């Protein structure tokens, strides 16, 4: 009985440490860093975060046109599969204190792209910084930093 009680306390403490990310977020391109890759001209991410469910709808405008995606994760570490026009995205999300970690993979041009995103919300809740490490078999790894501002 004692183990169950301690586990419940640990889960409750983790839930209290996790910030709620719900809102409309606009990419600040000048504060973001895409390295050698071209940054989008604009990006908006709408997040609905309820309990462990995290739904995000992203639209971005770039030189190759507009791109949209809808992804659903649960922040309890369970594998989620999202259907995209280009295939499936499989991933997990979990909290490490007040930092959200999303690890995902998908097939791109017959190669597996792996991504590890680290989401950090500012103390005032107005800035969401996502640092991503992306791995492609032929190109190796590279990092991207996105800075979003709450609208």
N, C-alpha and C. Protein backbone atom coordinates (compact mmCIF):
# COMPACT_ATOMS: atom_id res chain seq x y z
N UNK A 1 0.82 -1.20 0.00
CA UNK A 1 0.00 0.00 0.00
C UNK A 1 0.86 1.26 0.00
N UNK A 2 1.97 1.22 0.70
CA UNK A 2 2.84 2.38 0.78
C UNK A 2 3.42 2.74 -0.60
N UNK A 3 3.77 1.74 -1.41
CA UNK A 3 4.32 2.01 -2.74
C UNK A 3 3.31 2.73 -3.62
N UNK A 4 2.07 2.34 -3.55
CA UNK A 4 1.02 2.99 -4.34
C UNK A 4 0.88 4.44 -3.93
N UNK A 5 0.92 4.71 -2.65
CA UNK A 5 0.79 6.08 -2.16
C UNK A 5 1.96 6.93 -2.62
N UNK A 6 3.19 6.43 -2.53
CA UNK A 6 4.35 7.18 -2.98
C UNK A 6 4.31 7.42 -4.49
N UNK A 7 3.87 6.43 -5.25
CA UNK A 7 3.75 6.60 -6.70
C UNK A 7 2.73 7.68 -7.03
N UNK A 8 1.61 7.68 -6.33
CA UNK A 8 0.58 8.69 -6.56
C UNK A 8 1.10 10.08 -6.25
N UNK A 9 1.88 10.21 -5.18
CA UNK A 9 2.47 11.50 -4.83
C UNK A 9 3.45 11.94 -5.90
N UNK A 10 4.26 11.02 -6.42
CA UNK A 10 5.24 11.35 -7.47
C UNK A 10 4.54 11.83 -8.73
N UNK A 11 3.46 11.15 -9.14
CA UNK A 11 2.70 11.56 -10.33
C UNK A 11 2.07 12.92 -10.11
N UNK A 12 1.50 13.16 -8.93
CA UNK A 12 0.88 14.45 -8.62
C UNK A 12 1.91 15.56 -8.64
N UNK A 13 3.10 15.31 -8.09
CA UNK A 13 4.16 16.33 -8.09
C UNK A 13 4.60 16.66 -9.51
N UNK A 14 4.72 15.65 -10.36
CA UNK A 14 5.10 15.88 -11.76
C UNK A 14 4.04 16.71 -12.47
N UNK A 15 2.77 16.42 -12.21
CA UNK A 15 1.68 17.17 -12.84
C UNK A 15 1.70 18.63 -12.40
N UNK A 16 2.03 18.88 -11.14
CA UNK A 16 2.09 20.26 -10.65
C UNK A 16 3.24 21.03 -11.27
N UNK A 17 4.37 20.36 -11.55
CA UNK A 17 5.54 21.02 -12.12
C UNK A 17 5.34 21.35 -13.59
N UNK A 18 4.46 20.63 -14.27
CA UNK A 18 4.28 20.80 -15.71
C UNK A 18 3.42 22.03 -16.01
N UNK A 19 3.94 22.97 -16.80
CA UNK A 19 3.13 24.13 -17.18
C UNK A 19 2.08 23.76 -18.22
N UNK A 20 1.02 24.56 -18.30
CA UNK A 20 0.02 24.36 -19.34
C UNK A 20 0.43 25.19 -20.55
N UNK A 21 0.49 24.56 -21.71
CA UNK A 21 1.00 25.20 -22.92
C UNK A 21 -0.10 25.70 -23.85
N UNK A 22 -1.36 25.63 -23.42
CA UNK A 22 -2.49 26.03 -24.25
C UNK A 22 -2.34 27.48 -24.72
N UNK A 23 -2.61 27.70 -25.98
CA UNK A 23 -2.60 29.06 -26.51
C UNK A 23 -2.21 29.09 -27.96
N UNK A 24 -2.21 30.29 -28.51
CA UNK A 24 -1.74 30.52 -29.87
C UNK A 24 -0.35 31.12 -29.77
N UNK A 25 0.61 30.50 -30.48
CA UNK A 25 2.01 30.87 -30.40
C UNK A 25 2.51 31.26 -31.79
N UNK A 26 3.16 32.41 -31.88
CA UNK A 26 3.71 32.88 -33.16
C UNK A 26 5.23 32.83 -33.10
N UNK A 27 5.84 32.27 -34.14
CA UNK A 27 7.29 32.18 -34.21
C UNK A 27 7.92 33.56 -34.34
N UNK A 28 8.91 33.83 -33.51
CA UNK A 28 9.73 35.03 -33.65
C UNK A 28 10.95 34.60 -34.46
N UNK A 29 10.92 34.87 -35.75
CA UNK A 29 11.95 34.39 -36.67
C UNK A 29 13.32 34.97 -36.30
N UNK A 30 13.38 36.23 -35.88
CA UNK A 30 14.67 36.85 -35.59
C UNK A 30 15.33 36.26 -34.34
N UNK A 31 14.58 35.75 -33.40
CA UNK A 31 15.14 35.12 -32.20
C UNK A 31 15.40 33.62 -32.39
N UNK A 32 14.86 33.06 -33.48
CA UNK A 32 15.03 31.64 -33.76
C UNK A 32 16.31 31.41 -34.56
N UNK A 33 16.77 30.15 -34.59
CA UNK A 33 17.99 29.83 -35.31
C UNK A 33 17.80 28.51 -36.03
N UNK A 34 17.80 28.55 -37.35
CA UNK A 34 17.63 27.36 -38.18
C UNK A 34 18.95 26.89 -38.76
N UNK A 35 20.05 27.49 -38.34
CA UNK A 35 21.36 27.06 -38.83
C UNK A 35 21.48 27.26 -40.33
N UNK A 36 21.92 26.22 -41.03
CA UNK A 36 22.12 26.29 -42.48
C UNK A 36 20.82 26.18 -43.27
N UNK A 37 19.71 25.91 -42.58
CA UNK A 37 18.44 25.73 -43.27
C UNK A 37 17.66 27.03 -43.29
N UNK A 38 16.88 27.27 -44.35
CA UNK A 38 16.10 28.51 -44.40
C UNK A 38 14.96 28.49 -43.37
N UNK A 39 14.83 29.58 -42.66
CA UNK A 39 13.75 29.71 -41.68
C UNK A 39 12.44 29.98 -42.42
N UNK A 40 11.32 29.56 -41.85
CA UNK A 40 10.04 29.91 -42.48
C UNK A 40 9.83 31.42 -42.42
N UNK A 41 9.01 31.93 -43.32
CA UNK A 41 8.68 33.35 -43.29
C UNK A 41 7.77 33.66 -42.11
N UNK A 42 6.91 32.70 -41.76
CA UNK A 42 6.00 32.85 -40.63
C UNK A 42 5.55 31.47 -40.16
N UNK A 43 5.26 31.36 -38.87
CA UNK A 43 4.74 30.11 -38.34
C UNK A 43 3.85 30.42 -37.13
N UNK A 44 2.70 29.76 -37.09
CA UNK A 44 1.80 29.86 -35.94
C UNK A 44 1.49 28.46 -35.46
N UNK A 45 1.54 28.27 -34.15
CA UNK A 45 1.21 26.97 -33.55
C UNK A 45 0.11 27.20 -32.52
N UNK A 46 -0.99 26.50 -32.72
CA UNK A 46 -2.10 26.53 -31.76
C UNK A 46 -2.02 25.25 -30.93
N UNK A 47 -1.94 25.41 -29.61
CA UNK A 47 -1.79 24.28 -28.72
C UNK A 47 -3.00 24.19 -27.80
N UNK A 48 -3.54 22.99 -27.69
CA UNK A 48 -4.59 22.70 -26.72
C UNK A 48 -4.03 21.63 -25.80
N UNK A 49 -3.76 22.01 -24.56
CA UNK A 49 -3.10 21.13 -23.59
C UNK A 49 -4.06 20.89 -22.43
N UNK A 50 -4.62 19.68 -22.37
CA UNK A 50 -5.59 19.32 -21.34
C UNK A 50 -5.14 18.04 -20.66
N UNK A 51 -4.75 18.11 -19.41
CA UNK A 51 -4.26 16.93 -18.71
C UNK A 51 -3.02 16.41 -19.40
N UNK A 52 -3.02 15.13 -19.80
CA UNK A 52 -1.86 14.57 -20.52
C UNK A 52 -1.98 14.73 -22.03
N UNK A 53 -3.13 15.17 -22.53
CA UNK A 53 -3.33 15.34 -23.98
C UNK A 53 -2.75 16.66 -24.46
N UNK A 54 -1.92 16.60 -25.49
CA UNK A 54 -1.29 17.78 -26.07
C UNK A 54 -1.54 17.75 -27.58
N UNK A 55 -2.44 18.63 -28.04
CA UNK A 55 -2.77 18.71 -29.46
C UNK A 55 -2.16 20.00 -30.00
N UNK A 56 -1.45 19.90 -31.12
CA UNK A 56 -0.91 21.10 -31.73
C UNK A 56 -1.21 21.14 -33.22
N UNK A 57 -1.64 22.29 -33.65
CA UNK A 57 -1.93 22.54 -35.06
C UNK A 57 -0.97 23.64 -35.50
N UNK A 58 -0.14 23.33 -36.48
CA UNK A 58 0.90 24.26 -36.91
C UNK A 58 0.70 24.63 -38.37
N UNK A 59 0.80 25.92 -38.66
CA UNK A 59 0.79 26.39 -40.04
C UNK A 59 2.05 27.24 -40.24
N UNK A 60 2.70 27.03 -41.37
CA UNK A 60 3.88 27.84 -41.65
C UNK A 60 3.90 28.24 -43.11
N UNK A 61 4.50 29.40 -43.33
CA UNK A 61 4.62 29.95 -44.68
C UNK A 61 6.11 30.03 -44.99
N UNK A 62 6.47 29.51 -46.16
CA UNK A 62 7.87 29.53 -46.56
C UNK A 62 8.00 29.66 -48.05
N UNK A 63 9.23 29.63 -48.54
CA UNK A 63 9.47 29.78 -49.98
C UNK A 63 8.78 28.71 -50.82
N UNK A 64 8.56 27.52 -50.24
CA UNK A 64 7.93 26.43 -50.99
C UNK A 64 6.42 26.39 -50.78
N UNK A 65 5.85 27.42 -50.15
CA UNK A 65 4.41 27.48 -49.96
C UNK A 65 4.01 27.28 -48.51
N UNK A 66 2.71 27.12 -48.31
CA UNK A 66 2.16 26.94 -46.97
C UNK A 66 2.12 25.47 -46.61
N UNK A 67 2.43 25.16 -45.35
CA UNK A 67 2.42 23.80 -44.85
C UNK A 67 1.66 23.79 -43.54
N UNK A 68 0.80 22.78 -43.35
CA UNK A 68 0.05 22.64 -42.11
C UNK A 68 0.23 21.23 -41.56
N UNK A 69 0.16 21.12 -40.25
CA UNK A 69 0.20 19.80 -39.63
C UNK A 69 -0.59 19.83 -38.33
N UNK A 70 -1.15 18.68 -37.99
CA UNK A 70 -1.85 18.48 -36.73
C UNK A 70 -1.24 17.26 -36.05
N UNK A 71 -0.79 17.43 -34.82
CA UNK A 71 -0.17 16.34 -34.08
C UNK A 71 -0.80 16.23 -32.70
N UNK A 72 -0.96 14.99 -32.24
CA UNK A 72 -1.48 14.72 -30.90
C UNK A 72 -0.48 13.84 -30.18
N UNK A 73 -0.08 14.26 -29.00
CA UNK A 73 0.78 13.47 -28.12
C UNK A 73 0.12 13.38 -26.76
N UNK A 74 0.51 12.39 -26.00
CA UNK A 74 0.15 12.35 -24.59
C UNK A 74 1.45 12.48 -23.81
N UNK A 75 1.44 13.27 -22.76
CA UNK A 75 2.67 13.57 -22.03
C UNK A 75 2.99 12.53 -20.97
N UNK A 76 2.42 11.34 -21.12
CA UNK A 76 2.66 10.26 -20.16
C UNK A 76 3.65 9.23 -20.69
N UNK A 77 4.30 9.52 -21.82
CA UNK A 77 5.32 8.63 -22.36
C UNK A 77 4.81 7.54 -23.28
N UNK A 78 3.51 7.46 -23.50
CA UNK A 78 2.97 6.44 -24.41
C UNK A 78 3.25 6.83 -25.86
N UNK A 79 3.45 5.81 -26.70
CA UNK A 79 3.71 6.05 -28.12
C UNK A 79 2.43 6.54 -28.79
N UNK A 80 2.56 7.61 -29.54
CA UNK A 80 1.44 8.15 -30.32
C UNK A 80 1.83 8.08 -31.80
N UNK A 81 0.85 7.76 -32.64
CA UNK A 81 1.07 7.70 -34.08
C UNK A 81 0.18 8.74 -34.74
N UNK A 82 0.79 9.64 -35.48
CA UNK A 82 0.07 10.70 -36.17
C UNK A 82 0.17 10.46 -37.67
N UNK A 83 -0.95 10.50 -38.36
CA UNK A 83 -0.99 10.33 -39.81
C UNK A 83 -0.79 11.70 -40.46
N UNK A 84 0.16 11.74 -41.39
CA UNK A 84 0.47 12.96 -42.12
C UNK A 84 0.34 12.67 -43.61
N UNK A 85 0.20 13.69 -44.44
CA UNK A 85 0.14 13.44 -45.88
C UNK A 85 1.40 12.72 -46.39
N UNK A 86 2.53 12.95 -45.72
CA UNK A 86 3.79 12.35 -46.15
C UNK A 86 4.09 11.03 -45.44
N UNK A 87 3.18 10.55 -44.58
CA UNK A 87 3.40 9.30 -43.86
C UNK A 87 3.08 9.45 -42.38
N UNK A 88 3.58 8.51 -41.60
CA UNK A 88 3.31 8.50 -40.17
C UNK A 88 4.45 9.16 -39.39
N UNK A 89 4.05 9.83 -38.30
CA UNK A 89 5.01 10.33 -37.33
C UNK A 89 4.71 9.59 -36.03
N UNK A 90 5.72 8.86 -35.51
CA UNK A 90 5.57 8.14 -34.25
C UNK A 90 6.40 8.84 -33.20
N UNK A 91 5.85 8.95 -32.00
CA UNK A 91 6.63 9.62 -30.97
C UNK A 91 6.06 9.49 -29.58
N UNK A 92 6.87 9.92 -28.65
CA UNK A 92 6.48 9.95 -27.24
C UNK A 92 6.76 11.34 -26.70
N UNK A 93 6.03 11.69 -25.64
CA UNK A 93 6.24 12.95 -24.95
C UNK A 93 6.20 12.68 -23.45
N UNK A 94 7.09 13.35 -22.73
CA UNK A 94 7.09 13.21 -21.27
C UNK A 94 7.70 14.47 -20.65
N UNK A 95 7.37 14.68 -19.40
CA UNK A 95 7.88 15.82 -18.66
C UNK A 95 9.12 15.43 -17.88
N UNK A 96 10.09 16.31 -17.87
CA UNK A 96 11.24 16.25 -16.97
C UNK A 96 11.18 17.55 -16.19
N UNK A 97 10.53 17.49 -15.03
CA UNK A 97 10.26 18.72 -14.27
C UNK A 97 9.29 19.57 -15.06
N UNK A 98 9.70 20.81 -15.36
CA UNK A 98 8.83 21.71 -16.14
C UNK A 98 9.23 21.78 -17.60
N UNK A 99 10.05 20.83 -18.04
CA UNK A 99 10.51 20.76 -19.43
C UNK A 99 9.84 19.59 -20.15
N UNK A 100 9.25 19.85 -21.30
CA UNK A 100 8.61 18.81 -22.09
C UNK A 100 9.61 18.27 -23.11
N UNK A 101 9.72 16.94 -23.17
CA UNK A 101 10.59 16.27 -24.13
C UNK A 101 9.70 15.49 -25.10
N UNK A 102 9.85 15.75 -26.39
CA UNK A 102 9.12 15.00 -27.42
C UNK A 102 10.17 14.34 -28.31
N UNK A 103 10.09 13.01 -28.41
CA UNK A 103 11.00 12.26 -29.28
C UNK A 103 10.15 11.59 -30.35
N UNK A 104 10.51 11.83 -31.61
CA UNK A 104 9.69 11.32 -32.70
C UNK A 104 10.56 10.81 -33.84
N UNK A 105 9.92 10.05 -34.73
CA UNK A 105 10.60 9.58 -35.93
C UNK A 105 9.59 9.49 -37.06
N UNK A 106 10.11 9.61 -38.28
CA UNK A 106 9.29 9.51 -39.49
C UNK A 106 10.21 9.18 -40.65
N UNK A 107 9.61 8.67 -41.70
CA UNK A 107 10.40 8.36 -42.89
C UNK A 107 10.37 9.54 -43.84
N UNK A 108 11.56 9.95 -44.29
CA UNK A 108 11.70 11.04 -45.25
C UNK A 108 12.63 10.55 -46.35
N UNK A 109 12.12 10.50 -47.57
CA UNK A 109 12.91 10.03 -48.72
C UNK A 109 13.57 8.68 -48.43
N UNK A 110 12.79 7.76 -47.89
CA UNK A 110 13.22 6.39 -47.59
C UNK A 110 14.33 6.31 -46.54
N UNK A 111 14.45 7.36 -45.73
CA UNK A 111 15.41 7.36 -44.62
C UNK A 111 14.66 7.77 -43.35
N UNK A 112 15.09 7.25 -42.21
CA UNK A 112 14.42 7.57 -40.96
C UNK A 112 14.98 8.87 -40.37
N UNK A 113 14.10 9.84 -40.21
CA UNK A 113 14.44 11.10 -39.56
C UNK A 113 14.04 10.97 -38.10
N UNK A 114 14.98 11.22 -37.19
CA UNK A 114 14.70 11.18 -35.75
C UNK A 114 14.84 12.59 -35.21
N UNK A 115 13.93 12.95 -34.30
CA UNK A 115 13.94 14.30 -33.75
C UNK A 115 13.71 14.25 -32.24
N UNK A 116 14.46 15.05 -31.52
CA UNK A 116 14.28 15.20 -30.07
C UNK A 116 14.06 16.67 -29.79
N UNK A 117 12.85 17.02 -29.36
CA UNK A 117 12.48 18.41 -29.07
C UNK A 117 12.46 18.62 -27.57
N UNK A 118 13.02 19.74 -27.13
CA UNK A 118 13.00 20.13 -25.72
C UNK A 118 12.24 21.45 -25.64
N UNK A 119 11.07 21.40 -24.97
CA UNK A 119 10.19 22.57 -24.86
C UNK A 119 10.36 23.20 -23.49
N UNK A 120 10.61 24.50 -23.47
CA UNK A 120 10.78 25.22 -22.22
C UNK A 120 9.96 26.50 -22.26
N UNK A 121 9.07 26.67 -21.28
CA UNK A 121 8.23 27.85 -21.17
C UNK A 121 8.91 28.85 -20.23
N UNK A 122 8.94 30.12 -20.62
CA UNK A 122 9.54 31.15 -19.78
C UNK A 122 8.75 31.30 -18.48
N UNK A 123 9.37 31.88 -17.47
CA UNK A 123 8.74 32.04 -16.16
C UNK A 123 7.44 32.86 -16.24
N UNK A 124 7.39 33.84 -17.16
CA UNK A 124 6.17 34.65 -17.29
C UNK A 124 5.12 34.00 -18.19
N UNK A 125 5.43 32.84 -18.79
CA UNK A 125 4.47 32.11 -19.62
C UNK A 125 4.25 32.72 -21.00
N UNK A 126 5.09 33.67 -21.41
CA UNK A 126 4.86 34.36 -22.68
C UNK A 126 5.77 33.91 -23.81
N UNK A 127 6.81 33.14 -23.49
CA UNK A 127 7.76 32.69 -24.51
C UNK A 127 7.96 31.19 -24.39
N UNK A 128 7.80 30.49 -25.50
CA UNK A 128 8.02 29.05 -25.57
C UNK A 128 9.22 28.82 -26.48
N UNK A 129 10.28 28.24 -25.93
CA UNK A 129 11.48 27.96 -26.70
C UNK A 129 11.58 26.46 -26.93
N UNK A 130 11.70 26.07 -28.19
CA UNK A 130 11.83 24.66 -28.55
C UNK A 130 13.18 24.48 -29.22
N UNK A 131 14.03 23.66 -28.60
CA UNK A 131 15.30 23.31 -29.21
C UNK A 131 15.16 21.88 -29.71
N UNK A 132 15.51 21.69 -30.96
CA UNK A 132 15.35 20.38 -31.60
C UNK A 132 16.70 19.88 -32.09
N UNK A 133 16.95 18.61 -31.86
CA UNK A 133 18.10 17.94 -32.47
C UNK A 133 17.53 16.94 -33.46
N UNK A 134 17.91 17.07 -34.72
CA UNK A 134 17.37 16.25 -35.81
C UNK A 134 18.49 15.41 -36.39
N UNK A 135 18.21 14.11 -36.57
CA UNK A 135 19.19 13.17 -37.12
C UNK A 135 18.67 12.57 -38.42
N UNK A 136 19.48 12.65 -39.46
CA UNK A 136 19.23 11.98 -40.73
C UNK A 136 20.44 11.10 -41.04
N UNK A 137 20.21 9.87 -41.49
CA UNK A 137 21.35 8.96 -41.71
C UNK A 137 22.45 9.51 -42.61
N UNK A 138 22.11 10.11 -43.74
CA UNK A 138 23.13 10.58 -44.67
C UNK A 138 23.70 11.95 -44.28
N UNK A 139 22.89 12.81 -43.69
CA UNK A 139 23.33 14.17 -43.37
C UNK A 139 23.88 14.31 -41.95
N UNK A 140 23.64 13.35 -41.09
CA UNK A 140 24.05 13.48 -39.69
C UNK A 140 23.06 14.31 -38.92
N UNK A 141 23.52 14.91 -37.84
CA UNK A 141 22.62 15.67 -36.98
C UNK A 141 22.79 17.17 -37.11
N UNK A 142 21.72 17.89 -36.79
CA UNK A 142 21.78 19.34 -36.75
C UNK A 142 20.75 19.83 -35.73
N UNK A 143 20.94 21.07 -35.28
CA UNK A 143 20.07 21.64 -34.25
C UNK A 143 19.31 22.83 -34.79
N UNK A 144 18.09 23.00 -34.28
CA UNK A 144 17.22 24.11 -34.63
C UNK A 144 16.67 24.68 -33.33
N UNK A 145 16.61 26.01 -33.24
CA UNK A 145 16.01 26.67 -32.07
C UNK A 145 14.85 27.52 -32.58
N UNK A 146 13.66 27.28 -32.02
CA UNK A 146 12.47 28.06 -32.37
C UNK A 146 12.02 28.81 -31.12
N UNK A 147 11.77 30.08 -31.28
CA UNK A 147 11.27 30.91 -30.19
C UNK A 147 9.89 31.40 -30.56
N UNK A 148 8.89 30.98 -29.77
CA UNK A 148 7.50 31.36 -30.02
C UNK A 148 7.04 32.34 -28.94
N UNK A 149 6.19 33.29 -29.35
CA UNK A 149 5.61 34.25 -28.42
C UNK A 149 4.11 34.05 -28.36
N UNK A 150 3.59 34.05 -27.14
CA UNK A 150 2.15 33.83 -26.94
C UNK A 150 1.38 35.04 -27.44
N UNK A 151 0.30 34.77 -28.17
CA UNK A 151 -0.53 35.84 -28.73
C UNK A 151 -1.70 36.15 -27.82
